[in-house]
Structures are given as structure tokens and as C-alpha cells.
Amino acid sequence: MNQIISCNSLDPQLYEAIMQVWHETGVTNPARVDSLQAIQHSLEHTGTLLYCEIDNQVVGVVWVNHDYRRLYVHHMAVLPAYQNRGIGRSLLAEALKIAKSTGYQAKLEVHRDNPAARHLYASLGFKDLDGYITMIKREL
């Protein structure tokens, strides 16, 4: 069983370790504005970071936050060398515990070209939200 660590505060060293996972897995990019300040702001309000460490290295992470109605699961990633070991399942299961304890629905986005992630999410009860397309406006 993988030990999942929950945090609501982020120091620069942990931030760098998490960003390394996100960069290596392609989860983040400059357009997403995943700055230390932005993530810390989320954690100070409705956000939580869940991560897994092996031998003092962050190998998997998921960031969740909510709008008092839905728990949003995003930026979930596991380093390729540690995939298929149950880390992603453990991270997502812990996120779902948060959703259940608050009574919120759990919602996430997944790229259509990521069958492994889609399989994991479906195995834990997520279903496609038919008829919806995700849209974003990054520059305001």
C-alpha cells in the first residue's frame, strides 16, 4: 500500500519536487500558471495536495480543490518509472475520500488520448460527461 501525504501548505522545496513530476509527465506548462503563489493560494482556501514519496522523492501527486459543490481533481501525475504500481489509484482513492467526507461530487478532466488514465478513472467509478466540451480562456 502506498502512503499518501496530504498537505495544505507548500514550501519551495516541495513545490520544486512536485513541479518536477508535473514537468516530466507533461501535466504542467507555462500557460497553466502553476506558480508557487497560485498553488499556495489554493491550499490556503479550498485546495489540498496529495502526494506519494518513495525514498524521499515525490513520485506521484494530485491537486484537489472545491467550490463547495464539487471536488475538482486535477494535475494528477505519477512519474513514468513508478507507474503501474498502484500509486495513481492510491492518490485518486484518497481524493475520493475527501469528496465523500465533504459530500461533494468528484469531477476531473482527462485527455482523450490518455487511455491508461481513462481506464483508472473508470475503474473507480468516473463516467464520461456526455455532451460537454471543455473550454478555457487563459489570457484575460
Protein backbone atom coordinates (compact mmCIF):
# COMPACT_ATOMS: atom_id res chain seq x y z
CA MET A 1 0.00 0.00 0.00
CA ASN A 2 1.35 3.39 -0.95
CA GLN A 3 1.45 6.04 1.75
CA ILE A 4 -0.24 9.22 0.60
CA ILE A 5 0.72 12.50 2.27
CA SER A 6 -1.78 15.36 2.43
CA CYS A 7 -0.64 18.96 2.68
CA ASN A 8 -2.27 22.35 2.80
CA SER A 9 0.96 24.34 2.83
CA LEU A 10 3.74 24.37 0.30
CA ASP A 11 7.39 25.23 0.80
CA PRO A 12 9.71 25.94 -2.17
CA GLN A 13 11.46 22.56 -1.90
CA LEU A 14 8.21 20.57 -2.05
CA TYR A 15 6.96 22.85 -4.83
CA GLU A 16 10.07 22.07 -6.92
CA ALA A 17 9.66 18.32 -6.33
CA ILE A 18 6.01 18.44 -7.40
CA MET A 19 6.81 20.59 -10.43
CA GLN A 20 9.43 18.03 -11.45
CA VAL A 21 6.74 15.33 -11.52
CA TRP A 22 4.38 17.59 -13.46
CA HIS A 23 7.06 18.61 -15.97
CA GLU A 24 8.25 15.05 -16.55
CA THR A 25 4.69 13.84 -17.15
CA GLY A 26 3.58 16.84 -19.24
CA VAL A 27 0.89 17.89 -16.76
CA THR A 28 2.05 21.49 -16.50
CA ASN A 29 3.08 24.18 -18.92
CA PRO A 30 3.64 27.94 -18.65
CA ALA A 31 0.08 28.71 -19.81
CA ARG A 32 -1.32 26.99 -16.73
CA VAL A 33 0.37 29.44 -14.35
CA ASP A 34 1.19 26.80 -11.75
CA SER A 35 3.28 29.18 -9.68
CA LEU A 36 4.17 28.59 -6.06
CA GLN A 37 1.99 31.57 -5.16
CA ALA A 38 -1.04 30.33 -7.13
CA ILE A 39 -0.88 26.85 -5.64
CA GLN A 40 -0.30 28.19 -2.12
CA HIS A 41 -3.32 30.49 -2.52
CA SER A 42 -5.43 27.47 -3.47
CA LEU A 43 -4.11 25.50 -0.49
CA GLU A 44 -4.94 28.36 1.88
CA HIS A 45 -8.56 28.30 0.73
CA THR A 46 -10.09 25.09 -0.62
CA GLY A 47 -7.15 23.16 -2.03
CA THR A 48 -5.20 20.13 -0.92
CA LEU A 49 -2.14 18.47 -2.41
CA LEU A 50 -1.84 14.71 -2.07
CA TYR A 51 1.49 13.16 -2.91
CA CYS A 52 3.44 9.93 -2.63
CA GLU A 53 7.12 9.80 -1.70
CA ILE A 54 9.42 6.87 -2.23
CA ASP A 55 12.98 7.11 -0.87
CA ASN A 56 12.47 10.85 -0.18
CA GLN A 57 11.45 11.50 -3.80
CA VAL A 58 7.99 12.74 -4.78
CA VAL A 59 6.84 10.19 -7.37
CA GLY A 60 3.14 10.99 -7.65
CA VAL A 61 0.86 13.92 -6.93
CA VAL A 62 -2.70 15.13 -7.30
CA TRP A 63 -4.08 18.58 -6.53
CA VAL A 64 -7.71 18.91 -5.47
CA ASN A 65 -9.88 21.87 -4.62
CA HIS A 66 -13.59 22.54 -4.42
CA ASP A 67 -16.30 25.10 -4.97
CA TYR A 68 -18.46 23.83 -2.07
CA ARG A 69 -20.35 21.65 -4.53
CA ARG A 70 -17.81 19.66 -6.50
CA LEU A 71 -14.32 18.45 -5.70
CA TYR A 72 -12.09 19.06 -8.70
CA VAL A 73 -9.32 16.53 -9.21
CA HIS A 74 -6.54 17.92 -11.36
CA HIS A 75 -2.84 17.77 -12.09
CA MET A 76 -2.74 14.06 -11.25
CA ALA A 77 0.58 12.54 -12.31
CA VAL A 78 2.92 9.67 -11.48
CA LEU A 79 6.49 9.56 -12.72
CA PRO A 80 6.77 7.06 -15.59
CA ALA A 81 9.27 4.88 -13.71
CA TYR A 82 6.69 4.44 -10.92
CA GLN A 83 3.55 3.92 -12.99
CA ASN A 84 1.54 0.70 -12.78
CA ARG A 85 2.39 0.25 -9.09
CA GLY A 86 -0.94 1.46 -7.68
CA ILE A 87 0.28 4.97 -6.85
CA GLY A 88 -2.24 6.71 -9.09
CA ARG A 89 -5.04 4.53 -7.72
CA SER A 90 -3.99 5.36 -4.15
CA LEU A 91 -3.85 9.09 -4.91
CA LEU A 92 -7.26 9.08 -6.53
CA ALA A 93 -8.78 6.93 -3.77
CA GLU A 94 -7.55 9.47 -1.20
CA ALA A 95 -9.03 12.32 -3.24
CA LEU A 96 -12.34 10.47 -3.35
CA LYS A 97 -12.25 10.10 0.44
CA ILE A 98 -12.09 13.89 0.66
CA ALA A 99 -15.06 14.18 -1.70
CA LYS A 100 -17.05 11.65 0.29
CA SER A 101 -16.27 13.30 3.63
CA THR A 102 -17.50 16.66 2.31
CA GLY A 103 -20.46 15.26 0.37
CA TYR A 104 -19.20 16.82 -2.87
CA GLN A 105 -19.31 15.24 -6.31
CA ALA A 106 -15.87 14.48 -7.76
CA LYS A 107 -15.05 15.88 -11.18
CA LEU A 108 -11.94 15.67 -13.36
CA GLU A 109 -10.73 16.19 -16.88
CA VAL A 110 -8.66 13.70 -18.80
CA HIS A 111 -7.22 13.91 -22.29
CA ARG A 112 -8.99 11.63 -24.74
CA ASP A 113 -5.58 10.32 -25.85
CA ASN A 114 -4.71 9.02 -22.37
CA PRO A 115 -6.29 5.55 -22.26
CA ALA A 116 -4.37 4.42 -19.16
CA ALA A 117 -5.70 7.33 -17.10
CA ARG A 118 -9.20 6.92 -18.51
CA HIS A 119 -9.13 3.26 -17.54
CA LEU A 120 -8.02 4.10 -14.00
CA TYR A 121 -10.71 6.75 -13.59
CA ALA A 122 -13.42 4.47 -14.98
CA SER A 123 -12.32 1.65 -12.66
CA LEU A 124 -13.01 3.98 -9.71
CA GLY A 125 -16.48 4.93 -10.98
CA PHE A 126 -15.91 8.02 -13.14
CA LYS A 127 -18.03 8.28 -16.27
CA ASP A 128 -17.83 10.48 -19.35
CA LEU A 129 -19.96 13.61 -19.06
CA ASP A 130 -21.80 13.29 -22.36
CA GLY A 131 -22.47 16.40 -24.37
CA TYR A 132 -19.85 18.62 -22.73
CA ILE A 133 -16.76 20.18 -24.23
CA THR A 134 -14.14 21.83 -22.02
CA MET A 135 -13.34 25.43 -22.94
CA ILE A 136 -10.85 27.86 -21.38
CA LYS A 137 -9.74 31.47 -21.79
CA ARG A 138 -6.21 31.81 -20.43
CA GLU A 139 -5.42 35.43 -21.38
CA LEU A 140 -7.67 37.96 -19.72
